[in-house]
Amino acid sequence: MRDWRSIVVSPDTGLEETMRAIDRGGIRVALVTDDDDRLQGLVTDGDIRRALLRQLPLSTPVAEVMTREPVVARTGDSRAVRRRRMDERGLDHLPVIDADGRLIGIDTLRDVLQPASIDNPVVLMAGGLGQRLGPLTEKRPKPLLNVGARPILETILRSIAAAGFHRFYISVNYRAEMIMRHFGDGSRFGVEIRYLKEEKRLGTAGPLSLLPERPELPLLVMNGDILTRVDFESLLAFHRERGGDATMCVREYGYEVPFGT
């Protein structure tokens, strides 16, 4: 909700004025903050209705009927995290606060259900030979091998696109024509795809030198054969918050040597 300040009231605001605020916002809720914009509570039209059934005067301070310590989202929480929180609690509204508890907005269920649109470019590395898979990659590049119902690379692209990314580059070398034929310009996936064609193998990060221009936004780079459940929107928010030159995703992997002590 863009004009969320229209539904903000103070703890001592009366029920009548609070009803006006709820009516102004049109989302059946008002937010209660103190003088420093710190969230104190949330009041719904249902809370007001129950107060009237108890025959409380319209001058009653809203603090007496509001929900204290409501469920909230915090700065940096991704759309997926917010939606999951709302689903788990059966919520239609989710106030958003900063690290100091100050109100900075409110999400509605409609907000989090709308697809995001993230302009940061994505580079998927799909030019490797896949030699360790032997005969499986003699006639087909590794990213086009099926895992389940579709090729690995398609699953990766769909999962990143579902997070709101829509500008893709795919680096290709081995069996490049097969990858380009499968994905085309990306229109059937609802995204834009351009190709970085390696005339010779450039190594893991080499294809980045083929980008047509220096990206103005942080760039997401990923191998074309890794299946992951990383929340890409949260990853981008984390990177922005920390302000680093780069953010790398890793996982801990343990191996027990079966020999000696």
Protein backbone atom coordinates (compact mmCIF):
# COMPACT_ATOMS: atom_id res chain seq x y z
CA MET A 1 0.00 0.00 0.00
CA ARG A 2 1.58 3.28 -1.11
CA ASP A 3 -0.37 5.81 0.95
CA TRP A 4 -0.04 3.93 4.23
CA ARG A 5 0.37 7.07 6.32
CA SER A 6 -3.33 7.82 5.84
CA ILE A 7 -4.19 4.88 8.12
CA VAL A 8 -1.78 5.74 10.96
CA VAL A 9 -3.27 6.87 14.28
CA SER A 10 -1.87 7.47 17.76
CA PRO A 11 -2.72 5.30 20.80
CA ASP A 12 -5.02 7.96 22.25
CA THR A 13 -7.01 8.46 19.03
CA GLY A 14 -10.71 7.77 19.64
CA LEU A 15 -12.64 4.97 17.98
CA GLU A 16 -14.63 7.40 15.81
CA GLU A 17 -11.53 8.97 14.26
CA THR A 18 -9.95 5.52 13.93
CA MET A 19 -12.98 4.37 11.92
CA ARG A 20 -12.44 7.32 9.59
CA ALA A 21 -8.81 6.29 9.12
CA ILE A 22 -9.85 2.72 8.31
CA ASP A 23 -12.40 4.04 5.83
CA ARG A 24 -9.76 6.28 4.18
CA GLY A 25 -7.37 3.40 3.66
CA GLY A 26 -9.90 0.97 2.25
CA ILE A 27 -8.03 -2.09 3.56
CA ARG A 28 -10.06 -2.58 6.77
CA VAL A 29 -7.17 -1.80 9.14
CA ALA A 30 -5.42 1.09 10.90
CA LEU A 31 -1.89 1.20 12.33
CA VAL A 32 -1.08 2.63 15.75
CA THR A 33 2.29 4.33 16.31
CA ASP A 34 3.89 6.52 18.96
CA ASP A 35 5.40 9.97 18.38
CA ASP A 36 8.62 8.35 17.07
CA ASP A 37 6.75 6.25 14.47
CA ARG A 38 7.35 3.05 16.43
CA LEU A 39 4.59 0.52 15.86
CA GLN A 40 2.40 0.07 18.94
CA GLY A 41 -0.39 -2.02 17.54
CA LEU A 42 -2.89 -2.75 14.79
CA VAL A 43 -6.67 -2.36 14.77
CA THR A 44 -9.10 -3.89 12.29
CA ASP A 45 -12.70 -3.06 11.46
CA GLY A 46 -13.55 -6.24 13.37
CA ASP A 47 -11.89 -4.85 16.51
CA ILE A 48 -14.00 -1.69 16.19
CA ARG A 49 -17.18 -3.70 15.64
CA ARG A 50 -16.55 -5.78 18.74
CA ALA A 51 -15.88 -2.59 20.75
CA LEU A 52 -19.22 -1.16 19.66
CA LEU A 53 -21.01 -4.39 20.59
CA ARG A 54 -19.49 -3.94 24.05
CA GLN A 55 -21.08 -0.46 23.98
CA LEU A 56 -17.76 1.33 24.39
CA PRO A 57 -18.03 5.08 23.73
CA LEU A 58 -16.74 6.37 20.38
CA SER A 59 -14.28 8.49 22.37
CA THR A 60 -12.56 5.36 23.74
CA PRO A 61 -8.80 5.44 22.94
CA VAL A 62 -7.91 2.92 20.26
CA ALA A 63 -5.15 1.57 22.52
CA GLU A 64 -7.87 -0.19 24.51
CA VAL A 65 -9.05 -2.32 21.60
CA MET A 66 -6.00 -2.70 19.32
CA THR A 67 -3.88 -5.82 18.88
CA ARG A 68 -0.59 -5.23 20.63
CA GLU A 69 2.64 -6.72 19.18
CA PRO A 70 1.12 -7.75 15.82
CA VAL A 71 2.98 -10.05 13.43
CA VAL A 72 5.30 -7.92 11.29
CA ALA A 73 7.77 -8.07 8.41
CA ARG A 74 11.18 -6.43 8.65
CA THR A 75 13.31 -4.51 6.21
CA GLY A 76 15.04 -7.03 3.93
CA ASP A 77 12.37 -9.74 4.22
CA SER A 78 11.67 -10.94 0.70
CA ARG A 79 8.25 -11.12 -0.90
CA ALA A 80 8.35 -14.91 -0.50
CA VAL A 81 9.11 -14.63 3.22
CA ARG A 82 6.29 -12.12 3.74
CA ARG A 83 3.82 -14.23 1.82
CA ARG A 84 4.77 -17.34 3.80
CA ARG A 85 4.34 -15.47 7.08
CA MET A 86 0.89 -14.27 6.03
CA ASP A 87 -0.12 -17.76 4.86
CA GLU A 88 1.04 -19.39 8.10
CA ARG A 89 -0.87 -16.93 10.29
CA GLY A 90 -3.91 -16.46 8.03
CA LEU A 91 -3.23 -12.70 7.76
CA ASP A 92 -4.52 -10.15 5.27
CA HIS A 93 -2.16 -7.37 6.45
CA LEU A 94 1.48 -7.27 7.51
CA PRO A 95 3.05 -4.09 8.91
CA VAL A 96 6.67 -3.54 7.84
CA ILE A 97 9.15 -2.12 10.37
CA ASP A 98 12.84 -1.24 10.36
CA ALA A 99 15.54 -2.42 12.77
CA ASP A 100 14.43 0.17 15.35
CA GLY A 101 10.79 -0.87 15.25
CA ARG A 102 9.71 2.17 13.24
CA LEU A 103 6.85 1.67 10.82
CA ILE A 104 7.88 1.99 7.17
CA GLY A 105 4.84 0.52 5.42
CA ILE A 106 2.26 -2.23 5.28
CA ASP A 107 1.82 -5.18 2.94
CA THR A 108 -1.57 -6.54 1.99
CA LEU A 109 -2.18 -10.05 0.71
CA ARG A 110 -2.78 -8.55 -2.71
CA ASP A 111 0.62 -6.84 -2.59
CA VAL A 112 2.57 -10.03 -1.92
CA LEU A 113 0.61 -12.06 -4.48
CA GLN A 114 1.48 -9.67 -7.29
CA PRO A 115 4.57 -10.81 -9.19
CA ALA A 116 7.69 -8.78 -8.47
CA SER A 117 9.70 -7.20 -11.26
CA ILE A 118 13.45 -7.13 -10.53
CA ASP A 119 15.62 -5.45 -13.14
CA ASN A 120 18.95 -6.91 -11.96
CA PRO A 121 20.46 -9.00 -14.77
CA VAL A 122 21.11 -12.73 -14.34
CA VAL A 123 23.95 -14.67 -16.00
CA LEU A 124 23.59 -18.45 -16.20
CA MET A 125 26.80 -20.30 -17.06
CA ALA A 126 25.95 -23.11 -19.47
CA GLY A 127 29.02 -23.51 -21.66
CA GLY A 128 30.79 -26.42 -19.93
CA LEU A 129 31.51 -29.82 -21.47
CA GLY A 130 30.06 -31.93 -18.66
CA GLN A 131 32.79 -34.53 -19.17
CA ARG A 132 32.26 -36.24 -15.81
CA LEU A 133 28.84 -37.44 -16.98
CA GLY A 134 30.46 -39.37 -19.83
CA PRO A 135 28.02 -40.76 -22.41
CA LEU A 136 25.10 -38.66 -21.12
CA THR A 137 26.69 -35.49 -22.47
CA GLU A 138 28.14 -36.79 -25.71
CA LYS A 139 25.17 -35.46 -27.69
CA ARG A 140 23.53 -33.11 -25.19
CA PRO A 141 24.97 -30.36 -22.97
CA LYS A 142 24.74 -31.02 -19.25
CA PRO A 143 22.31 -28.11 -18.55
CA LEU A 144 19.79 -29.76 -20.91
CA LEU A 145 19.80 -33.10 -19.09
CA ASN A 146 16.43 -33.74 -17.51
CA VAL A 147 16.04 -33.87 -13.75
CA GLY A 148 12.42 -34.78 -13.26
CA ALA A 149 10.14 -33.44 -15.96
CA ARG A 150 12.40 -30.77 -17.45
CA PRO A 151 16.05 -29.84 -18.14
CA ILE A 152 18.16 -28.63 -15.21
CA LEU A 153 18.71 -25.22 -16.77
CA GLU A 154 15.01 -24.69 -17.38
CA THR A 155 14.23 -25.47 -13.73
CA ILE A 156 16.88 -22.93 -12.68
CA LEU A 157 15.58 -20.25 -15.03
CA ARG A 158 11.97 -20.78 -13.96
CA SER A 159 12.83 -20.56 -10.25
CA ILE A 160 14.77 -17.32 -10.70
CA ALA A 161 12.05 -15.87 -12.93
CA ALA A 162 9.46 -16.75 -10.27
CA ALA A 163 11.35 -14.45 -7.87
CA GLY A 164 10.79 -11.55 -10.29
CA PHE A 165 14.01 -11.49 -12.34
CA HIS A 166 13.36 -11.07 -16.06
CA ARG A 167 16.66 -10.09 -17.72
CA PHE A 168 18.75 -13.19 -18.47
CA TYR A 169 22.04 -13.90 -20.19
CA ILE A 170 23.04 -17.50 -20.87
CA SER A 171 26.68 -18.23 -21.69
CA VAL A 172 27.01 -21.01 -24.26
CA ASN A 173 29.80 -22.95 -25.92
CA TYR A 174 29.42 -26.73 -26.10
CA ARG A 175 26.29 -27.66 -28.11
CA ALA A 176 25.31 -24.01 -27.96
CA GLU A 177 22.69 -24.35 -30.69
CA MET A 178 20.71 -26.87 -28.63
CA ILE A 179 20.47 -24.51 -25.65
CA MET A 180 19.57 -21.55 -27.84
CA ARG A 181 16.92 -23.57 -29.66
CA HIS A 182 15.36 -24.77 -26.39
CA PHE A 183 15.15 -21.35 -24.71
CA GLY A 184 14.87 -19.00 -27.69
CA ASP A 185 14.38 -15.37 -26.74
CA GLY A 186 12.76 -16.36 -23.43
CA SER A 187 9.27 -15.16 -24.36
CA ARG A 188 7.63 -18.49 -23.56
CA PHE A 189 9.04 -18.21 -20.03
CA GLY A 190 7.95 -14.58 -19.64
CA VAL A 191 11.54 -13.28 -19.62
CA GLU A 192 14.15 -11.80 -21.97
CA ILE A 193 17.13 -14.02 -22.83
CA ARG A 194 20.31 -12.96 -24.58
CA TYR A 195 23.30 -15.20 -25.22
CA LEU A 196 26.99 -14.83 -24.47
CA LYS A 197 28.69 -16.98 -27.12
CA GLU A 198 32.12 -18.28 -26.17
CA GLU A 199 34.10 -18.86 -29.36
CA LYS A 200 36.65 -20.56 -27.15
CA ARG A 201 36.26 -21.77 -23.57
CA LEU A 202 36.78 -18.85 -21.20
CA GLY A 203 36.62 -20.59 -17.85
CA THR A 204 34.12 -20.18 -15.02
CA ALA A 205 33.80 -16.39 -14.91
CA GLY A 206 35.23 -15.66 -18.35
CA PRO A 207 31.85 -15.17 -20.08
CA LEU A 208 31.24 -12.08 -17.93
CA SER A 209 33.74 -10.33 -20.21
CA LEU A 210 31.24 -10.85 -23.06
CA LEU A 211 28.47 -8.80 -21.47
CA PRO A 212 27.52 -6.04 -23.95
CA GLU A 213 27.71 -3.34 -21.26
CA ARG A 214 28.82 -2.96 -17.67
CA PRO A 215 25.76 -3.66 -15.46
CA GLU A 216 24.54 -0.69 -13.44
CA LEU A 217 22.77 -2.99 -10.96
CA PRO A 218 24.16 -5.91 -8.95
CA LEU A 219 24.48 -8.99 -11.14
CA LEU A 220 23.31 -12.50 -10.22
CA VAL A 221 25.68 -15.17 -11.58
CA MET A 222 24.96 -18.89 -11.30
CA ASN A 223 26.14 -22.14 -12.85
CA GLY A 224 23.63 -23.74 -15.18
CA ASP A 225 23.70 -27.11 -13.46
CA ILE A 226 22.95 -26.31 -9.81
CA LEU A 227 19.54 -26.96 -8.28
CA THR A 228 18.94 -24.88 -5.17
CA ARG A 229 16.18 -23.49 -2.99
CA VAL A 230 17.94 -20.19 -2.38
CA ASP A 231 15.51 -17.29 -1.97
CA PHE A 232 16.95 -15.07 -4.70
CA GLU A 233 14.98 -11.98 -3.69
CA SER A 234 16.25 -12.30 -0.10
CA LEU A 235 19.78 -12.85 -1.42
CA LEU A 236 19.63 -9.59 -3.34
CA ALA A 237 18.24 -7.75 -0.28
CA PHE A 238 21.04 -9.22 1.87
CA HIS A 239 23.67 -8.06 -0.62
CA ARG A 240 22.27 -4.53 -0.67
CA GLU A 241 22.04 -4.36 3.12
CA ARG A 242 25.66 -5.46 3.65
CA GLY A 243 27.02 -3.21 0.91
CA GLY A 244 29.78 -5.62 -0.12
CA ASP A 245 31.48 -5.82 -3.50
CA ALA A 246 30.16 -9.36 -3.93
CA THR A 247 28.08 -11.93 -2.07
CA MET A 248 28.80 -15.64 -2.53
CA CYS A 249 26.39 -18.45 -1.68
CA VAL A 250 28.07 -21.52 -0.20
CA ARG A 251 27.01 -24.55 1.78
CA GLU A 252 28.87 -26.64 4.31
CA TYR A 253 29.82 -30.07 3.05
CA GLY A 254 31.46 -32.71 5.21
CA TYR A 255 33.33 -35.78 4.02
CA GLU A 256 34.47 -38.56 6.32
CA VAL A 257 37.72 -40.15 5.22
CA PRO A 258 37.25 -43.92 5.60
CA PHE A 259 40.94 -44.60 6.24
CA GLY A 260 43.16 -44.29 9.32
CA THR A 261 42.36 -42.42 12.51
